[in-house]
PDB file of N, CA and C in Angstrom:
ATOM      1  N   MET A   1      38.456   4.023  39.349  1.00  0.00           N
ATOM      2  CA  MET A   1      37.954   4.382  39.028  1.00  0.00           C
ATOM      3  C   MET A   1      36.562   5.108  39.085  1.00  0.00           C
ATOM      4  N   ILE A   2      36.233   6.489  38.819  1.00  0.00           N
ATOM      5  CA  ILE A   2      35.056   7.486  39.094  1.00  0.00           C
ATOM      6  C   ILE A   2      33.884   6.698  38.541  1.00  0.00           C
ATOM      7  N   ASP A   3      32.768   6.521  39.648  1.00  0.00           N
ATOM      8  CA  ASP A   3      31.389   6.387  38.894  1.00  0.00           C
ATOM      9  C   ASP A   3      30.389   7.315  38.668  1.00  0.00           C
ATOM     10  N   LEU A   4      30.587   8.329  38.016  1.00  0.00           N
ATOM     11  CA  LEU A   4      29.834   9.644  37.282  1.00  0.00           C
ATOM     12  C   LEU A   4      28.268   9.783  37.018  1.00  0.00           C
ATOM     13  N   PRO A   5      27.567  10.524  37.689  1.00  0.00           N
ATOM     14  CA  PRO A   5      25.986  10.237  37.054  1.00  0.00           C
ATOM     15  C   PRO A   5      25.550  10.493  35.697  1.00  0.00           C
ATOM     16  N   GLN A   6      25.073  10.022  35.050  1.00  0.00           N
ATOM     17  CA  GLN A   6      24.874  10.094  33.467  1.00  0.00           C
ATOM     18  C   GLN A   6      24.157  11.017  33.308  1.00  0.00           C
ATOM     19  N   PRO A   7      23.871  11.833  32.028  1.00  0.00           N
ATOM     20  CA  PRO A   7      22.763  12.376  32.500  1.00  0.00           C
ATOM     21  C   PRO A   7      21.784  11.479  31.354  1.00  0.00           C
ATOM     22  N   THR A   8      21.025  11.706  31.917  1.00  0.00           N
ATOM     23  CA  THR A   8      19.867  11.416  31.032  1.00  0.00           C
ATOM     24  C   THR A   8      18.912  12.025  29.984  1.00  0.00           C
ATOM     25  N   GLY A   9      19.103  13.232  30.414  1.00  0.00           N
ATOM     26  CA  GLY A   9      17.957  14.088  28.973  1.00  0.00           C
ATOM     27  C   GLY A   9      16.552  14.480  29.880  1.00  0.00           C
ATOM     28  N   ALA A  10      16.232  13.617  30.786  1.00  0.00           N
ATOM     29  CA  ALA A  10      14.982  13.714  31.546  1.00  0.00           C
ATOM     30  C   ALA A  10      14.438  15.236  30.952  1.00  0.00           C
ATOM     31  N   GLU A  11      14.982  15.792  31.461  1.00  0.00           N
ATOM     32  CA  GLU A  11      14.856  17.509  31.863  1.00  0.00           C
ATOM     33  C   GLU A  11      14.647  18.384  30.815  1.00  0.00           C
ATOM     34  N   LEU A  12      15.495  18.004  30.059  1.00  0.00           N
ATOM     35  CA  LEU A  12      14.948  18.159  28.568  1.00  0.00           C
ATOM     36  C   LEU A  12      13.844  18.335  28.144  1.00  0.00           C
ATOM     37  N   TRP A  13      12.845  17.454  27.939  1.00  0.00           N
ATOM     38  CA  TRP A  13      11.673  17.453  27.553  1.00  0.00           C
ATOM     39  C   TRP A  13      10.385  17.667  29.021  1.00  0.00           C
ATOM     40  N   PRO A  14       9.830  18.216  28.196  1.00  0.00           N
ATOM     41  CA  PRO A  14       8.698  18.702  29.137  1.00  0.00           C
ATOM     42  C   PRO A  14       7.958  17.542  29.633  1.00  0.00           C
ATOM     43  N   PRO A  15       7.337  17.402  30.847  1.00  0.00           N
ATOM     44  CA  PRO A  15       5.932  16.384  31.177  1.00  0.00           C
ATOM     45  C   PRO A  15       4.713  16.395  29.965  1.00  0.00           C
ATOM     46  N   GLU A  16       4.789  14.817  30.327  1.00  0.00           N
ATOM     47  CA  GLU A  16       3.644  14.390  29.260  1.00  0.00           C
ATOM     48  C   GLU A  16       2.178  15.049  29.934  1.00  0.00           C
ATOM     49  N   GLU A  17       0.980  15.574  29.406  1.00  0.00           N
ATOM     50  CA  GLU A  17       0.198  16.328  29.809  1.00  0.00           C
ATOM     51  C   GLU A  17      -0.700  14.900  29.273  1.00  0.00           C
ATOM     52  N   PRO A  18      -1.569  14.994  29.934  1.00  0.00           N
ATOM     53  CA  PRO A  18      -2.542  13.908  30.027  1.00  0.00           C
ATOM     54  C   PRO A  18      -4.003  14.565  28.966  1.00  0.00           C
ATOM     55  N   GLY A  19      -4.344  13.452  28.295  1.00  0.00           N
ATOM     56  CA  GLY A  19      -4.949  14.060  26.919  1.00  0.00           C
ATOM     57  C   GLY A  19      -6.041  12.668  26.918  1.00  0.00           C
ATOM     58  N   PRO A  20      -7.052  12.800  26.080  1.00  0.00           N
ATOM     59  CA  PRO A  20      -7.925  11.873  26.223  1.00  0.00           C
ATOM     60  C   PRO A  20      -7.080  10.673  25.679  1.00  0.00           C
ATOM     61  N   GLN A  21      -7.862   9.574  25.392  1.00  0.00           N
ATOM     62  CA  GLN A  21      -7.640   8.501  24.921  1.00  0.00           C
ATOM     63  C   GLN A  21      -7.835   8.243  23.694  1.00  0.00           C
ATOM     64  N   ALA A  22      -6.683   8.009  22.843  1.00  0.00           N
ATOM     65  CA  ALA A  22      -7.410   7.301  21.160  1.00  0.00           C
ATOM     66  C   ALA A  22      -7.918   5.951  21.515  1.00  0.00           C
ATOM     67  N   ARG A  23      -9.107   5.792  20.863  1.00  0.00           N
ATOM     68  CA  ARG A  23      -9.828   5.015  20.619  1.00  0.00           C
ATOM     69  C   ARG A  23      -9.130   4.200  19.202  1.00  0.00           C
ATOM     70  N   LEU A  24      -9.138   3.049  19.312  1.00  0.00           N
ATOM     71  CA  LEU A  24      -8.811   2.291  17.770  1.00  0.00           C
ATOM     72  C   LEU A  24      -9.964   1.851  17.461  1.00  0.00           C
ATOM     73  N   HIS A  25     -10.750   0.904  18.221  1.00  0.00           N
ATOM     74  CA  HIS A  25     -12.095   0.373  17.355  1.00  0.00           C
ATOM     75  C   HIS A  25     -12.606   1.351  17.363  1.00  0.00           C
ATOM     76  N   LYS A  26     -13.247   1.539  16.108  1.00  0.00           N
ATOM     77  CA  LYS A  26     -14.327   2.297  15.253  1.00  0.00           C
ATOM     78  C   LYS A  26     -14.719   1.801  14.106  1.00  0.00           C
ATOM     79  N   PRO A  27     -16.158   1.438  14.139  1.00  0.00           N
ATOM     80  CA  PRO A  27     -16.869   1.061  13.337  1.00  0.00           C
ATOM     81  C   PRO A  27     -16.554   1.193  11.749  1.00  0.00           C
ATOM     82  N   TRP A  28     -16.244   2.356  11.549  1.00  0.00           N
ATOM     83  CA  TRP A  28     -16.089   2.627  10.238  1.00  0.00           C
ATOM     84  C   TRP A  28     -15.018   2.559   9.190  1.00  0.00           C
ATOM     85  N   ARG A  29     -14.048   2.131  10.388  1.00  0.00           N
ATOM     86  CA  ARG A  29     -13.034   0.902   9.661  1.00  0.00           C
ATOM     87  C   ARG A  29     -13.167   0.167   8.538  1.00  0.00           C
ATOM     88  N   GLY A  30     -14.285  -0.326   8.852  1.00  0.00           N
ATOM     89  CA  GLY A  30     -15.143  -1.433   8.289  1.00  0.00           C
ATOM     90  C   GLY A  30     -15.380  -0.964   6.754  1.00  0.00           C
ATOM     91  N   LEU A  31     -15.763   0.130   6.544  1.00  0.00           N
ATOM     92  CA  LEU A  31     -16.431   0.903   5.531  1.00  0.00           C
ATOM     93  C   LEU A  31     -15.151   1.190   4.864  1.00  0.00           C
ATOM     94  N   VAL A  32     -13.790   1.536   6.117  1.00  0.00           N
ATOM     95  CA  VAL A  32     -13.152   2.387   4.697  1.00  0.00           C
ATOM     96  C   VAL A  32     -12.034   1.115   4.314  1.00  0.00           C
ATOM     97  N   THR A  33     -12.159  -0.348   4.645  1.00  0.00           N
ATOM     98  CA  THR A  33     -11.179  -1.335   4.629  1.00  0.00           C
ATOM     99  C   THR A  33     -12.541  -1.770   3.124  1.00  0.00           C
ATOM    100  N   ALA A  34     -13.683  -1.777   3.267  1.00  0.00           N
ATOM    101  CA  ALA A  34     -14.412  -1.806   1.780  1.00  0.00           C
ATOM    102  C   ALA A  34     -13.914  -0.936   0.541  1.00  0.00           C
ATOM    103  N   VAL A  35     -13.819   0.425   1.191  1.00  0.00           N
ATOM    104  CA  VAL A  35     -13.598   1.066   0.371  1.00  0.00           C
ATOM    105  C   VAL A  35     -12.351   0.921  -0.739  1.00  0.00           C
ATOM    106  N   GLU A  36     -11.419   0.522   0.421  1.00  0.00           N
ATOM    107  CA  GLU A  36     -10.083   0.267  -0.283  1.00  0.00           C
ATOM    108  C   GLU A  36      -9.834  -1.034  -0.908  1.00  0.00           C
ATOM    109  N   VAL A  37     -10.572  -2.145  -0.448  1.00  0.00           N
ATOM    110  CA  VAL A  37     -10.743  -2.970  -1.408  1.00  0.00           C
ATOM    111  C   VAL A  37     -11.704  -2.784  -2.815  1.00  0.00           C
ATOM    112  N   VAL A  38     -12.010  -2.095  -3.102  1.00  0.00           N
ATOM    113  CA  VAL A  38     -12.548  -1.745  -4.101  1.00  0.00           C
ATOM    114  C   VAL A  38     -11.896  -0.990  -5.285  1.00  0.00           C
ATOM    115  N   LEU A  39     -11.293   0.066  -4.412  1.00  0.00           N
ATOM    116  CA  LEU A  39     -10.254   0.594  -4.946  1.00  0.00           C
ATOM    117  C   LEU A  39      -8.869  -0.332  -5.738  1.00  0.00           C
ATOM    118  N   ALA A  40      -8.321  -0.942  -4.842  1.00  0.00           N
ATOM    119  CA  ALA A  40      -7.279  -2.322  -5.061  1.00  0.00           C
ATOM    120  C   ALA A  40      -7.689  -3.248  -6.611  1.00  0.00           C
ATOM    121  N   VAL A  41      -9.037  -3.292  -6.606  1.00  0.00           N
ATOM    122  CA  VAL A  41      -9.700  -4.461  -7.458  1.00  0.00           C
ATOM    123  C   VAL A  41      -9.672  -3.307  -8.438  1.00  0.00           C
ATOM    124  N   LEU A  42      -9.695  -1.986  -8.622  1.00  0.00           N
ATOM    125  CA  LEU A  42     -10.074  -1.649  -9.685  1.00  0.00           C
ATOM    126  C   LEU A  42      -8.331  -1.110 -10.130  1.00  0.00           C
ATOM    127  N   ALA A  43      -7.791  -0.391  -9.382  1.00  0.00           N
ATOM    128  CA  ALA A  43      -6.545  -0.277  -9.855  1.00  0.00           C
ATOM    129  C   ALA A  43      -5.992  -1.517 -10.493  1.00  0.00           C
ATOM    130  N   GLY A  44      -6.117  -2.921  -9.790  1.00  0.00           N
ATOM    131  CA  GLY A  44      -5.567  -3.951  -9.961  1.00  0.00           C
ATOM    132  C   GLY A  44      -6.199  -4.257 -12.104  1.00  0.00           C
ATOM    133  N   TRP A  45      -7.352  -3.888 -12.025  1.00  0.00           N
ATOM    134  CA  TRP A  45      -7.592  -4.108 -13.737  1.00  0.00           C
ATOM    135  C   TRP A  45      -6.702  -3.394 -14.322  1.00  0.00           C
ATOM    136  N   ALA A  46      -6.558  -1.827 -14.018  1.00  0.00           N
ATOM    137  CA  ALA A  46      -6.085  -0.602 -14.764  1.00  0.00           C
ATOM    138  C   ALA A  46      -4.731  -1.740 -15.073  1.00  0.00           C
ATOM    139  N   ALA A  47      -3.998  -2.100 -13.820  1.00  0.00           N
ATOM    140  CA  ALA A  47      -2.544  -2.550 -13.901  1.00  0.00           C
ATOM    141  C   ALA A  47      -2.712  -3.120 -15.233  1.00  0.00           C
ATOM    142  N   TYR A  48      -3.481  -4.787 -14.945  1.00  0.00           N
ATOM    143  CA  TYR A  48      -3.784  -5.690 -15.798  1.00  0.00           C
ATOM    144  C   TYR A  48      -3.389  -4.864 -17.487  1.00  0.00           C
ATOM    145  N   ALA A  49      -4.981  -3.924 -17.524  1.00  0.00           N
ATOM    146  CA  ALA A  49      -4.683  -3.645 -18.672  1.00  0.00           C
ATOM    147  C   ALA A  49      -3.782  -2.975 -19.618  1.00  0.00           C
ATOM    148  N   CYS A  50      -2.746  -1.956 -18.447  1.00  0.00           N
ATOM    149  CA  CYS A  50      -1.723  -0.898 -18.890  1.00  0.00           C
ATOM    150  C   CYS A  50      -0.688  -2.346 -19.326  1.00  0.00           C
ATOM    151  N   TRP A  51      -0.454  -3.556 -18.451  1.00  0.00           N
ATOM    152  CA  TRP A  51       0.515  -4.618 -18.635  1.00  0.00           C
ATOM    153  C   TRP A  51       0.223  -5.066 -20.249  1.00  0.00           C
ATOM    154  N   HIS A  52      -0.968  -5.367 -20.449  1.00  0.00           N
ATOM    155  CA  HIS A  52      -1.499  -6.289 -21.781  1.00  0.00           C
ATOM    156  C   HIS A  52      -1.540  -5.106 -23.461  1.00  0.00           C
ATOM    157  N   HIS A  53      -1.815  -3.603 -22.596  1.00  0.00           N
ATOM    158  CA  HIS A  53      -1.480  -2.935 -23.544  1.00  0.00           C
ATOM    159  C   HIS A  53      -0.517  -2.426 -24.171  1.00  0.00           C
ATOM    160  N   SER A  54       0.922  -2.845 -23.008  1.00  0.00           N
ATOM    161  CA  SER A  54       2.285  -2.415 -23.158  1.00  0.00           C
ATOM    162  C   SER A  54       3.191  -2.671 -24.206  1.00  0.00           C
ATOM    163  N   VAL A  55       2.365  -4.152 -24.688  1.00  0.00           N
ATOM    164  CA  VAL A  55       3.032  -4.748 -25.662  1.00  0.00           C
ATOM    165  C   VAL A  55       2.200  -5.486 -27.287  1.00  0.00           C
ATOM    166  N   ALA A  56       3.208  -4.367 -27.783  1.00  0.00           N
ATOM    167  CA  ALA A  56       2.513  -4.635 -29.440  1.00  0.00           C
ATOM    168  C   ALA A  56       3.561  -6.166 -30.288  1.00  0.00           C
ATOM    169  N   THR A  57       2.699  -6.495 -31.162  1.00  0.00           N
ATOM    170  CA  THR A  57       3.343  -7.324 -32.164  1.00  0.00           C
ATOM    171  C   THR A  57       3.836  -7.040 -33.301  1.00  0.00           C
ATOM    172  N   VAL A  58       4.769  -6.952 -33.913  1.00  0.00           N
ATOM    173  CA  VAL A  58       5.099  -6.302 -34.880  1.00  0.00           C
ATOM    174  C   VAL A  58       5.395  -7.560 -36.170  1.00  0.00           C
ATOM    175  N   VAL A  59       4.629  -8.103 -37.059  1.00  0.00           N
ATOM    176  CA  VAL A  59       5.046  -8.952 -38.196  1.00  0.00           C
ATOM    177  C   VAL A  59       5.440  -8.581 -39.405  1.00  0.00           C
ATOM    178  N   THR A  60       6.711  -8.809 -39.742  1.00  0.00           N
ATOM    179  CA  THR A  60       7.196  -8.404 -40.871  1.00  0.00           C
ATOM    180  C   THR A  60       7.495  -9.715 -41.946  1.00  0.00           C
ATOM    181  N   ARG A  61       7.021  -9.340 -43.564  1.00  0.00           N
ATOM    182  CA  ARG A  61       7.574 -10.513 -44.116  1.00  0.00           C
ATOM    183  C   ARG A  61       8.172  -9.931 -45.170  1.00  0.00           C
ATOM    184  N   THR A  62       9.289 -10.733 -45.261  1.00  0.00           N
ATOM    185  CA  THR A  62      10.740 -10.352 -46.266  1.00  0.00           C
ATOM    186  C   THR A  62      10.019 -10.867 -47.763  1.00  0.00           C
ATOM    187  N   GLU A  63      11.090 -10.365 -48.677  1.00  0.00           N
ATOM    188  CA  GLU A  63      10.524 -10.648 -50.065  1.00  0.00           C
ATOM    189  C   GLU A  63      10.740 -12.199 -50.415  1.00  0.00           C
ATOM    190  N   ASP A  64      11.921 -12.792 -49.515  1.00  0.00           N
ATOM    191  CA  ASP A  64      12.114 -13.972 -50.020  1.00  0.00           C
ATOM    192  C   ASP A  64      11.026 -14.773 -49.034  1.00  0.00           C
ATOM    193  N   GLY A  65       9.940 -14.712 -48.416  1.00  0.00           N
ATOM    194  CA  GLY A  65       8.824 -14.904 -47.682  1.00  0.00           C
ATOM    195  C   GLY A  65       9.134 -15.567 -46.306  1.00  0.00           C
ATOM    196  N   ALA A  66      10.287 -14.927 -45.906  1.00  0.00           N
ATOM    197  CA  ALA A  66      10.521 -15.038 -44.141  1.00  0.00           C
ATOM    198  C   ALA A  66       9.500 -14.399 -43.458  1.00  0.00           C
ATOM    199  N   VAL A  67       8.941 -14.975 -42.510  1.00  0.00           N
ATOM    200  CA  VAL A  67       8.046 -14.202 -41.886  1.00  0.00           C
ATOM    201  C   VAL A  67       9.083 -13.513 -40.065  1.00  0.00           C
ATOM    202  N   LEU A  68       8.780 -12.432 -40.066  1.00  0.00           N
ATOM    203  CA  LEU A  68       9.778 -11.982 -38.432  1.00  0.00           C
ATOM    204  C   LEU A  68       8.871 -11.576 -37.969  1.00  0.00           C
ATOM    205  N   GLU A  69       8.663 -11.739 -36.696  1.00  0.00           N
ATOM    206  CA  GLU A  69       8.122 -11.021 -36.222  1.00  0.00           C
ATOM    207  C   GLU A  69       8.721 -11.029 -34.860  1.00  0.00           C
ATOM    208  N   SER A  70       8.610  -9.607 -34.479  1.00  0.00           N
ATOM    209  CA  SER A  70       9.213  -9.009 -33.060  1.00  0.00           C
ATOM    210  C   SER A  70       8.216  -8.481 -31.733  1.00  0.00           C
ATOM    211  N   HIS A  71       8.945  -7.901 -30.829  1.00  0.00           N
ATOM    212  CA  HIS A  71       7.749  -7.063 -30.157  1.00  0.00           C
ATOM    213  C   HIS A  71       8.290  -6.029 -29.590  1.00  0.00           C
ATOM    214  N   ARG A  72       7.591  -4.830 -29.600  1.00  0.00           N
ATOM    215  CA  ARG A  72       7.800  -3.572 -29.058  1.00  0.00           C
ATOM    216  C   ARG A  72       7.330  -3.349 -27.590  1.00  0.00           C
ATOM    217  N   TYR A  73       8.064  -3.006 -26.580  1.00  0.00           N
ATOM    218  CA  TYR A  73       7.476  -2.872 -25.268  1.00  0.00           C
ATOM    219  C   TYR A  73       7.143  -1.039 -25.393  1.00  0.00           C
ATOM    220  N   PHE A  74       6.147  -0.764 -24.796  1.00  0.00           N
ATOM    221  CA  PHE A  74       6.177   1.114 -24.296  1.00  0.00           C
ATOM    222  C   PHE A  74       6.159   0.888 -22.735  1.00  0.00           C
ATOM    223  N   GLY A  75       7.770   1.727 -22.328  1.00  0.00           N
ATOM    224  CA  GLY A  75       7.805   1.830 -21.390  1.00  0.00           C
ATOM    225  C   GLY A  75       6.894   2.498 -19.880  1.00  0.00           C
ATOM    226  N   GLY A  76       5.940   3.244 -21.042  1.00  0.00           N
ATOM    227  CA  GLY A  76       5.384   4.367 -20.213  1.00  0.00           C
ATOM    228  C   GLY A  76       4.146   3.406 -19.335  1.00  0.00           C
ATOM    229  N   LEU A  77       3.761   2.530 -20.484  1.00  0.00           N
ATOM    230  CA  LEU A  77       2.424   1.569 -19.973  1.00  0.00           C
ATOM    231  C   LEU A  77       3.138   0.851 -18.817  1.00  0.00           C
ATOM    232  N   LEU A  78       3.906  -0.013 -19.474  1.00  0.00           N
ATOM    233  CA  LEU A  78       4.819  -1.173 -18.646  1.00  0.00           C
ATOM    234  C   LEU A  78       5.298  -0.281 -16.700  1.00  0.00           C
ATOM    235  N   ALA A  79       5.628   0.850 -16.954  1.00  0.00           N
ATOM    236  CA  ALA A  79       5.573   1.583 -15.735  1.00  0.00           C
ATOM    237  C   ALA A  79       4.266   1.751 -14.791  1.00  0.00           C
ATOM    238  N   ALA A  80       3.523   2.725 -15.289  1.00  0.00           N
ATOM    239  CA  ALA A  80       2.079   2.223 -15.054  1.00  0.00           C
ATOM    240  C   ALA A  80       1.638   0.909 -14.374  1.00  0.00           C
ATOM    241  N   ALA A  81       1.648   0.335 -15.044  1.00  0.00           N
ATOM    242  CA  ALA A  81       1.486  -1.111 -14.113  1.00  0.00           C
ATOM    243  C   ALA A  81       2.371  -1.447 -13.042  1.00  0.00           C
ATOM    244  N   ILE A  82       3.420  -1.325 -12.942  1.00  0.00           N
ATOM    245  CA  ILE A  82       4.657  -1.215 -11.843  1.00  0.00           C
ATOM    246  C   ILE A  82       3.618  -0.545 -10.651  1.00  0.00           C
ATOM    247  N   GLY A  83       3.486   0.654 -11.102  1.00  0.00           N
ATOM    248  CA  GLY A  83       3.299   1.462 -10.077  1.00  0.00           C
ATOM    249  C   GLY A  83       1.338   1.132  -9.646  1.00  0.00           C
ATOM    250  N   LEU A  84       0.921   0.996 -10.575  1.00  0.00           N
ATOM    251  CA  LEU A  84      -0.408   0.108  -9.919  1.00  0.00           C
ATOM    252  C   LEU A  84      -0.320  -0.699  -9.211  1.00  0.00           C
ATOM    253  N   GLY A  85       0.321  -1.703  -9.505  1.00  0.00           N
ATOM    254  CA  GLY A  85       0.898  -3.023  -8.845  1.00  0.00           C
ATOM    255  C   GLY A  85       0.958  -2.802  -7.713  1.00  0.00           C
ATOM    256  N   THR A  86       1.798  -1.691  -7.761  1.00  0.00           N
ATOM    257  CA  THR A  86       2.436  -1.662  -5.820  1.00  0.00           C
ATOM    258  C   THR A  86       1.530  -0.837  -5.574  1.00  0.00           C
ATOM    259  N   VAL A  87       0.697   0.405  -6.030  1.00  0.00           N
ATOM    260  CA  VAL A  87      -0.792   0.825  -5.020  1.00  0.00           C
ATOM    261  C   VAL A  87      -1.520  -0.051  -4.544  1.00  0.00           C
ATOM    262  N   VAL A  88      -1.710  -1.465  -5.741  1.00  0.00           N
ATOM    263  CA  VAL A  88      -2.442  -2.404  -5.220  1.00  0.00           C
ATOM    264  C   VAL A  88      -2.315  -3.264  -4.291  1.00  0.00           C
ATOM    265  N   ALA A  89      -0.820  -3.239  -3.821  1.00  0.00           N
ATOM    266  CA  ALA A  89      -0.250  -4.111  -2.533  1.00  0.00           C
ATOM    267  C   ALA A  89      -0.313  -3.106  -1.347  1.00  0.00           C
ATOM    268  N   LEU A  90      -0.467  -1.816  -1.387  1.00  0.00           N
ATOM    269  CA  LEU A  90      -0.469  -0.904  -0.529  1.00  0.00           C
ATOM    270  C   LEU A  90      -1.737  -1.023   0.437  1.00  0.00           C
ATOM    271  N   LEU A  91      -2.642  -0.607  -0.852  1.00  0.00           N
ATOM    272  CA  LEU A  91      -4.480  -0.440  -0.412  1.00  0.00           C
ATOM    273  C   LEU A  91      -4.883  -1.627   0.375  1.00  0.00           C
ATOM    274  N   LEU A  92      -4.272  -3.231  -0.225  1.00  0.00           N
ATOM    275  CA  LEU A  92      -4.655  -4.404  -0.084  1.00  0.00           C
ATOM    276  C   LEU A  92      -3.435  -4.154   1.868  1.00  0.00           C
ATOM    277  N   VAL A  93      -2.446  -3.938   2.200  1.00  0.00           N
ATOM    278  CA  VAL A  93      -2.029  -4.106   3.154  1.00  0.00           C
ATOM    279  C   VAL A  93      -2.863  -3.148   4.347  1.00  0.00           C
ATOM    280  N   ASP A  94      -2.876  -2.048   3.971  1.00  0.00           N
ATOM    281  CA  ASP A  94      -3.504  -0.947   4.867  1.00  0.00           C
ATOM    282  C   ASP A  94      -5.209  -1.431   4.966  1.00  0.00           C
ATOM    283  N   ALA A  95      -5.605  -2.418   3.852  1.00  0.00           N
ATOM    284  CA  ALA A  95      -7.202  -2.855   4.193  1.00  0.00           C
ATOM    285  C   ALA A  95      -7.077  -3.508   5.535  1.00  0.00           C
ATOM    286  N   VAL A  96      -6.290  -4.835   5.641  1.00  0.00           N
ATOM    287  CA  VAL A  96      -6.261  -5.526   6.598  1.00  0.00           C
ATOM    288  C   VAL A  96      -5.670  -4.981   7.837  1.00  0.00           C
ATOM    289  N   ARG A  97      -4.784  -3.625   7.772  1.00  0.00           N
ATOM    290  CA  ARG A  97      -5.089  -3.350   9.022  1.00  0.00           C
ATOM    291  C   ARG A  97      -6.036  -2.851   9.730  1.00  0.00           C
ATOM    292  N   GLN A  98      -6.708  -1.897   8.639  1.00  0.00           N
ATOM    293  CA  GLN A  98      -8.166  -0.849   8.814  1.00  0.00           C
ATOM    294  C   GLN A  98      -9.406  -2.570   9.528  1.00  0.00           C
ATOM    295  N   LEU A  99      -9.165  -3.355   8.546  1.00  0.00           N
ATOM    296  CA  LEU A  99      -9.959  -4.665   9.240  1.00  0.00           C
ATOM    297  C   LEU A  99      -9.308  -5.191  10.251  1.00  0.00           C
ATOM    298  N   SER A 100      -8.353  -4.937  10.970  1.00  0.00           N
ATOM    299  CA  SER A 100      -8.454  -6.003  11.742  1.00  0.00           C
ATOM    300  C   SER A 100      -8.203  -4.985  13.434  1.00  0.00           C
ATOM    301  N   LEU A 101      -8.562  -3.420  12.856  1.00  0.00           N
ATOM    302  CA  LEU A 101      -8.448  -2.513  13.977  1.00  0.00           C
ATOM    303  C   LEU A 101      -9.795  -2.243  13.953  1.00  0.00           C
ATOM    304  N   ALA A 102     -11.103  -2.489  12.878  1.00  0.00           N
ATOM    305  CA  ALA A 102     -11.807  -2.503  13.028  1.00  0.00           C
ATOM    306  C   ALA A 102     -12.597  -3.354  13.857  1.00  0.00           C
ATOM    307  N   ILE A 103     -12.025  -4.694  13.676  1.00  0.00           N
ATOM    308  CA  ILE A 103     -12.704  -6.000  14.875  1.00  0.00           C
ATOM    309  C   ILE A 103     -12.007  -6.145  15.911  1.00  0.00           C
ATOM    310  N   ARG A 104     -10.778  -6.098  16.382  1.00  0.00           N
ATOM    311  CA  ARG A 104      -9.913  -6.769  16.905  1.00  0.00           C
ATOM    312  C   ARG A 104      -9.736  -5.892  18.268  1.00  0.00           C
ATOM    313  N   ALA A 105      -9.388  -4.183  18.109  1.00  0.00           N
ATOM    314  CA  ALA A 105      -9.043  -3.284  19.063  1.00  0.00           C
ATOM    315  C   ALA A 105     -10.266  -3.091  20.171  1.00  0.00           C
ATOM    316  N   ARG A 106     -10.402  -3.103  21.089  1.00  0.00           N
ATOM    317  CA  ARG A 106     -11.462  -2.866  21.478  1.00  0.00           C
ATOM    318  C   ARG A 106     -10.727  -1.994  23.067  1.00  0.00           C
ATOM    319  N   SER A 107     -11.442  -0.931  23.476  1.00  0.00           N
ATOM    320  CA  SER A 107     -10.991   0.061  24.203  1.00  0.00           C
ATOM    321  C   SER A 107     -10.895  -0.938  25.176  1.00  0.00           C
ATOM    322  N   PRO A 108      -9.728  -0.852  26.369  1.00  0.00           N
ATOM    323  CA  PRO A 108      -9.568  -1.756  27.893  1.00  0.00           C
ATOM    324  C   PRO A 108     -10.994  -0.906  28.420  1.00  0.00           C
ATOM    325  N   LYS A 109     -11.562  -1.876  29.638  1.00  0.00           N
ATOM    326  CA  LYS A 109     -12.594  -1.699  30.356  1.00  0.00           C
ATOM    327  C   LYS A 109     -12.002  -1.192  31.684  1.00  0.00           C
ATOM    328  N   PRO A 110     -12.635  -0.297  32.051  1.00  0.00           N
ATOM    329  CA  PRO A 110     -12.140   0.475  33.167  1.00  0.00           C
ATOM    330  C   PRO A 110     -12.389  -0.384  34.193  1.00  0.00           C
ATOM    331  N   LYS A 111     -11.192  -0.286  35.198  1.00  0.00           N
ATOM    332  CA  LYS A 111     -11.298  -1.121  36.147  1.00  0.00           C
ATOM    333  C   LYS A 111     -11.950  -0.615  37.589  1.00  0.00           C
ATOM    334  N   ALA A 112     -12.579  -2.097  38.174  1.00  0.00           N
ATOM    335  CA  ALA A 112     -13.415  -1.311  39.207  1.00  0.00           C
ATOM    336  C   ALA A 112     -12.323  -1.237  40.369  1.00  0.00           C
TER     337      ALA A 112
END
């Protein structure tokens, strides 16, 4: 068996240029967290309103005195409620991420 060197492709990529180090810890991320939580609460309220306005109860009385009750669902409002619920989830996940970056991530101290 002949063992030939395998191409790595390293020569295809230019060497990385040193650039400024990105800082993850930025105090303004706490403000972003607060704004995202407020937006999530507003979107949650809107989702709740859409969900409860998407159902209409229709009551019909027949000639023999029977009461027929049915529910009519409006798909557009249900879809809006589900979409807003998804937006709430995404906003809260990103708020947790922003908060963890605002609190925990610190730039490394230079070595002496």
